[in-house]
C-alpha atoms as a PDB file:
ATOM      1  CA  MET A   1      33.220 -30.552  49.627  1.00  0.00           C
ATOM      2  CA  LYS A   2      32.167 -27.770  47.451  1.00  0.00           C
ATOM      3  CA  LYS A   3      28.414 -27.319  46.994  1.00  0.00           C
ATOM      4  CA  SER A   4      27.662 -26.688  43.401  1.00  0.00           C
ATOM      5  CA  GLN A   5      24.230 -26.095  41.642  1.00  0.00           C
ATOM      6  CA  THR A   6      23.085 -28.590  39.089  1.00  0.00           C
ATOM      7  CA  TRP A   7      20.330 -28.593  36.444  1.00  0.00           C
ATOM      8  CA  SER A   8      18.076 -31.336  36.956  1.00  0.00           C
ATOM      9  CA  THR A   9      16.543 -32.906  33.791  1.00  0.00           C
ATOM     10  CA  ASP A  10      12.943 -31.284  35.029  1.00  0.00           C
ATOM     11  CA  VAL A  11      14.326 -27.933  35.045  1.00  0.00           C
ATOM     12  CA  MET A  12      15.938 -28.136  31.537  1.00  0.00           C
ATOM     13  CA  ILE A  13      12.787 -29.464  29.736  1.00  0.00           C
ATOM     14  CA  ALA A  14      10.928 -26.721  31.764  1.00  0.00           C
ATOM     15  CA  THR A  15      13.075 -24.071  30.302  1.00  0.00           C
ATOM     16  CA  VAL A  16      13.325 -25.556  26.872  1.00  0.00           C
ATOM     17  CA  LEU A  17       9.497 -25.445  26.732  1.00  0.00           C
ATOM     18  CA  PHE A  18       9.183 -22.041  27.994  1.00  0.00           C
ATOM     19  CA  VAL A  19      11.646 -20.842  25.227  1.00  0.00           C
ATOM     20  CA  ILE A  20       9.556 -22.789  22.613  1.00  0.00           C
ATOM     21  CA  ILE A  21       6.582 -21.392  23.634  1.00  0.00           C
ATOM     22  CA  PHE A  22       7.863 -17.819  23.954  1.00  0.00           C
ATOM     23  CA  ILE A  23       9.120 -18.116  20.429  1.00  0.00           C
ATOM     24  CA  GLY A  24       5.706 -19.599  19.266  1.00  0.00           C
ATOM     25  CA  LEU A  25       3.757 -16.412  20.764  1.00  0.00           C
ATOM     26  CA  VAL A  26       6.114 -14.057  19.162  1.00  0.00           C
ATOM     27  CA  TYR A  27       5.644 -15.950  15.842  1.00  0.00           C
ATOM     28  CA  ILE A  28       1.837 -15.581  16.133  1.00  0.00           C
ATOM     29  CA  VAL A  29       1.699 -12.225  17.174  1.00  0.00           C
ATOM     30  CA  SER A  30       4.075 -11.070  14.260  1.00  0.00           C
ATOM     31  CA  MET A  31       2.017 -13.276  11.754  1.00  0.00           C
ATOM     32  CA  ASN A  32      -1.281 -11.321  12.990  1.00  0.00           C
ATOM     33  CA  ALA A  33       0.273  -7.805  12.619  1.00  0.00           C
ATOM     34  CA  SER A  34       1.566  -8.713   9.307  1.00  0.00           C
ATOM     35  CA  SER A  35      -2.033 -10.150   8.147  1.00  0.00           C
ATOM     36  CA  ARG A  36      -3.703  -6.970   9.439  1.00  0.00           C
ATOM     37  CA  VAL A  37      -1.312  -4.960   7.093  1.00  0.00           C
ATOM     38  CA  VAL A  38      -2.016  -7.072   4.242  1.00  0.00           C
ATOM     39  CA  ASN A  39      -5.694  -6.746   4.794  1.00  0.00           C
ATOM     40  CA  GLU A  40      -5.256  -3.066   5.081  1.00  0.00           C
ATOM     41  CA  LEU A  41      -3.591  -3.050   1.620  1.00  0.00           C
ATOM     42  CA  LYS A  42      -6.302  -4.955   0.184  1.00  0.00           C
ATOM     43  CA  ASP A  43      -8.881  -2.655   1.314  1.00  0.00           C
ATOM     44  CA  GLU A  44      -6.983   0.125  -0.056  1.00  0.00           C
ATOM     45  CA  SER A  45      -6.503  -1.260  -3.294  1.00  0.00           C
ATOM     46  CA  LYS A  46     -10.126  -1.215  -3.767  1.00  0.00           C
ATOM     47  CA  ILE A  47     -10.801   2.185  -2.526  1.00  0.00           C
ATOM     48  CA  ILE A  48      -8.154   3.873  -4.833  1.00  0.00           C
ATOM     49  CA  PRO A  49      -9.811   2.757  -8.237  1.00  0.00           C
ATOM     50  CA  ALA A  50     -13.325   3.477  -6.841  1.00  0.00           C
ATOM     51  CA  LYS A  51     -12.223   7.011  -6.521  1.00  0.00           C
ATOM     52  CA  ILE A  52     -10.530   7.769  -9.578  1.00  0.00           C
ATOM     53  CA  VAL A  53     -13.577   6.630 -11.602  1.00  0.00           C
ATOM     54  CA  TYR A  54     -16.205   9.248 -11.964  1.00  0.00           C
ATOM     55  CA  SER A  55     -19.794   8.102 -11.408  1.00  0.00           C
ATOM     56  CA  PRO A  56     -23.084   9.656  -9.867  1.00  0.00           C
ATOM     57  CA  THR A  57     -22.352   7.920  -6.520  1.00  0.00           C
ATOM     58  CA  THR A  58     -18.753   9.676  -6.330  1.00  0.00           C
ATOM     59  CA  ALA A  59     -19.748  12.913  -7.833  1.00  0.00           C
ATOM     60  CA  GLY A  60     -18.912  14.593  -4.488  1.00  0.00           C
ATOM     61  CA  ASN A  61     -15.215  13.340  -4.874  1.00  0.00           C
ATOM     62  CA  LEU A  62     -14.649  15.311  -8.067  1.00  0.00           C
ATOM     63  CA  SER A  63     -11.037  16.065  -6.969  1.00  0.00           C
ATOM     64  CA  THR A  64      -9.688  12.556  -7.750  1.00  0.00           C
ATOM     65  CA  SER A  65     -11.980  11.281 -10.317  1.00  0.00           C
ATOM     66  CA  PHE A  66     -10.239  11.440 -13.818  1.00  0.00           C
ATOM     67  CA  ILE A  67     -12.073   8.383 -15.606  1.00  0.00           C
ATOM     68  CA  VAL A  68     -15.208   9.558 -17.153  1.00  0.00           C
ATOM     69  CA  ASN A  69     -17.489   7.108 -19.196  1.00  0.00           C
ATOM     70  CA  ASN A  70     -14.472   4.561 -19.415  1.00  0.00           C
ATOM     71  CA  LYS A  71     -12.042   7.514 -20.908  1.00  0.00           C
ATOM     72  CA  VAL A  72      -9.429   9.282 -19.266  1.00  0.00           C
ATOM     73  CA  ASP A  73     -10.388  13.032 -18.904  1.00  0.00           C
ATOM     74  CA  LYS A  74      -7.032  14.785 -19.505  1.00  0.00           C
ATOM     75  CA  GLU A  75      -7.674  17.871 -17.608  1.00  0.00           C
ATOM     76  CA  ARG A  76      -8.917  16.010 -14.522  1.00  0.00           C
ATOM     77  CA  LEU A  77      -5.787  13.702 -14.631  1.00  0.00           C
ATOM     78  CA  ARG A  78      -3.555  16.867 -14.846  1.00  0.00           C
ATOM     79  CA  ALA A  79      -5.277  18.294 -11.803  1.00  0.00           C
ATOM     80  CA  VAL A  80      -4.804  15.208  -9.792  1.00  0.00           C
ATOM     81  CA  SER A  81      -1.405  15.011 -10.658  1.00  0.00           C
ATOM     82  CA  GLU A  82      -0.874  18.727  -9.347  1.00  0.00           C
ATOM     83  CA  LEU A  83      -1.835  17.565  -6.022  1.00  0.00           C
ATOM     84  CA  SER A  84       0.917  16.816  -3.555  1.00  0.00           C
ATOM     85  CA  TYR A  85       1.512  13.300  -2.651  1.00  0.00           C
ATOM     86  CA  ALA A  86       0.253  13.843   1.068  1.00  0.00           C
ATOM     87  CA  GLN A  87      -2.903  15.740  -0.511  1.00  0.00           C
ATOM     88  CA  MET A  88      -3.761  12.814  -2.700  1.00  0.00           C
ATOM     89  CA  LYS A  89      -3.393  10.373   0.254  1.00  0.00           C
ATOM     90  CA  SER A  90      -5.530  12.357   2.327  1.00  0.00           C
ATOM     91  CA  VAL A  91      -8.235  12.904  -0.372  1.00  0.00           C
ATOM     92  CA  LEU A  92      -8.061   9.256  -1.331  1.00  0.00           C
ATOM     93  CA  GLY A  93      -8.390   8.394   2.451  1.00  0.00           C
ATOM     94  CA  VAL A  94      -5.441   5.832   2.521  1.00  0.00           C
ATOM     95  CA  LYS A  95      -2.457   5.719   4.660  1.00  0.00           C
ATOM     96  CA  HIS A  96      -0.092   3.456   2.685  1.00  0.00           C
ATOM     97  CA  ASP A  97       2.181   4.143  -0.393  1.00  0.00           C
ATOM     98  CA  PHE A  98       0.494   3.673  -3.632  1.00  0.00           C
ATOM     99  CA  CYS A  99       1.219   4.384  -7.395  1.00  0.00           C
ATOM    100  CA  ILE A 100      -1.299   4.863 -10.262  1.00  0.00           C
ATOM    101  CA  TYR A 101      -0.702   4.040 -13.683  1.00  0.00           C
ATOM    102  CA  LEU A 102      -2.697   3.318 -16.568  1.00  0.00           C
ATOM    103  CA  GLU A 103      -2.785   0.182 -19.027  1.00  0.00           C
ATOM    104  CA  ASP A 104      -4.494  -0.218 -22.452  1.00  0.00           C
ATOM    105  CA  GLU A 105      -6.704  -3.409 -23.223  1.00  0.00           C
ATOM    106  CA  TYR A 106      -3.687  -5.314 -23.951  1.00  0.00           C
ATOM    107  CA  GLY A 107      -2.120  -4.730 -20.777  1.00  0.00           C
ATOM    108  CA  ASN A 108       0.508  -2.281 -21.895  1.00  0.00           C
ATOM    109  CA  MET A 109       1.386   0.758 -19.771  1.00  0.00           C
ATOM    110  CA  ILE A 110       0.148   3.942 -21.020  1.00  0.00           C
ATOM    111  CA  ASN A 111       2.704   6.664 -20.518  1.00  0.00           C
ATOM    112  CA  ILE A 112       0.633   9.833 -18.961  1.00  0.00           C
ATOM    113  CA  SER A 113       3.687  12.130 -18.691  1.00  0.00           C
ATOM    114  CA  ASP A 114       2.342  14.070 -21.591  1.00  0.00           C
ATOM    115  CA  VAL A 115      -0.625  15.019 -19.362  1.00  0.00           C
ATOM    116  CA  THR A 116       0.655  15.180 -15.954  1.00  0.00           C
ATOM    117  CA  ALA A 117       2.342  18.242 -14.394  1.00  0.00           C
ATOM    118  CA  ASP A 118       5.559  16.476 -13.357  1.00  0.00           C
ATOM    119  CA  LYS A 119       6.147  14.673 -16.548  1.00  0.00           C
ATOM    120  CA  SER A 120       5.979  11.180 -14.763  1.00  0.00           C
ATOM    121  CA  PRO A 121       4.782   7.822 -16.245  1.00  0.00           C
ATOM    122  CA  CYS A 122       2.596   7.435 -12.981  1.00  0.00           C
ATOM    123  CA  ILE A 123       1.200   9.226 -10.233  1.00  0.00           C
ATOM    124  CA  GLY A 124       1.814   8.480  -6.734  1.00  0.00           C
ATOM    125  CA  SER A 125       4.667   7.764  -3.889  1.00  0.00           C
ATOM    126  CA  PRO A 126       8.057   9.346  -4.836  1.00  0.00           C
ATOM    127  CA  ASN A 127       9.433   6.018  -3.490  1.00  0.00           C
ATOM    128  CA  ALA A 128       7.721   4.030  -6.255  1.00  0.00           C
ATOM    129  CA  THR A 129       9.397   3.483  -9.699  1.00  0.00           C
ATOM    130  CA  LEU A 130       7.832   2.199 -12.739  1.00  0.00           C
ATOM    131  CA  ASN A 131      10.069   0.966 -15.466  1.00  0.00           C
ATOM    132  CA  GLY A 132      12.885   2.860 -13.980  1.00  0.00           C
ATOM    133  CA  ALA A 133      10.902   6.377 -13.446  1.00  0.00           C
ATOM    134  CA  PRO A 134       9.995   7.509 -10.095  1.00  0.00           C
ATOM    135  CA  CYS A 135       6.095   7.930  -9.638  1.00  0.00           C
ATOM    136  CA  GLY A 136       6.102  11.093  -7.735  1.00  0.00           C
END
């Protein structure tokens, strides 16, 4: 008579439970990582507007502030647009991609290409597009 190995019900249940727990742990770890990135993006979304608006508290960061007294200073905007994307990320203190564009009081996009050095409707990542036009 041949000896053969059989799986008992206990071993099958234990294997299924192990696989389910393993998949659950992988899911929890991946959700934690993605929520961390979301929180970083939320934080950076607050940093950039604070650094582009000039106020006495941001006077030391003149290289990125181009909104003065609720108006766009065209010379400052042009100077910011002349920075490379890597320089902008460094000066703004962000590590994720971004795109800066302006809107009027009705939510319509203001095309800043007549002011910026690269004739783009926005400033930021070359991978970002706004109405089909690249931002970088």
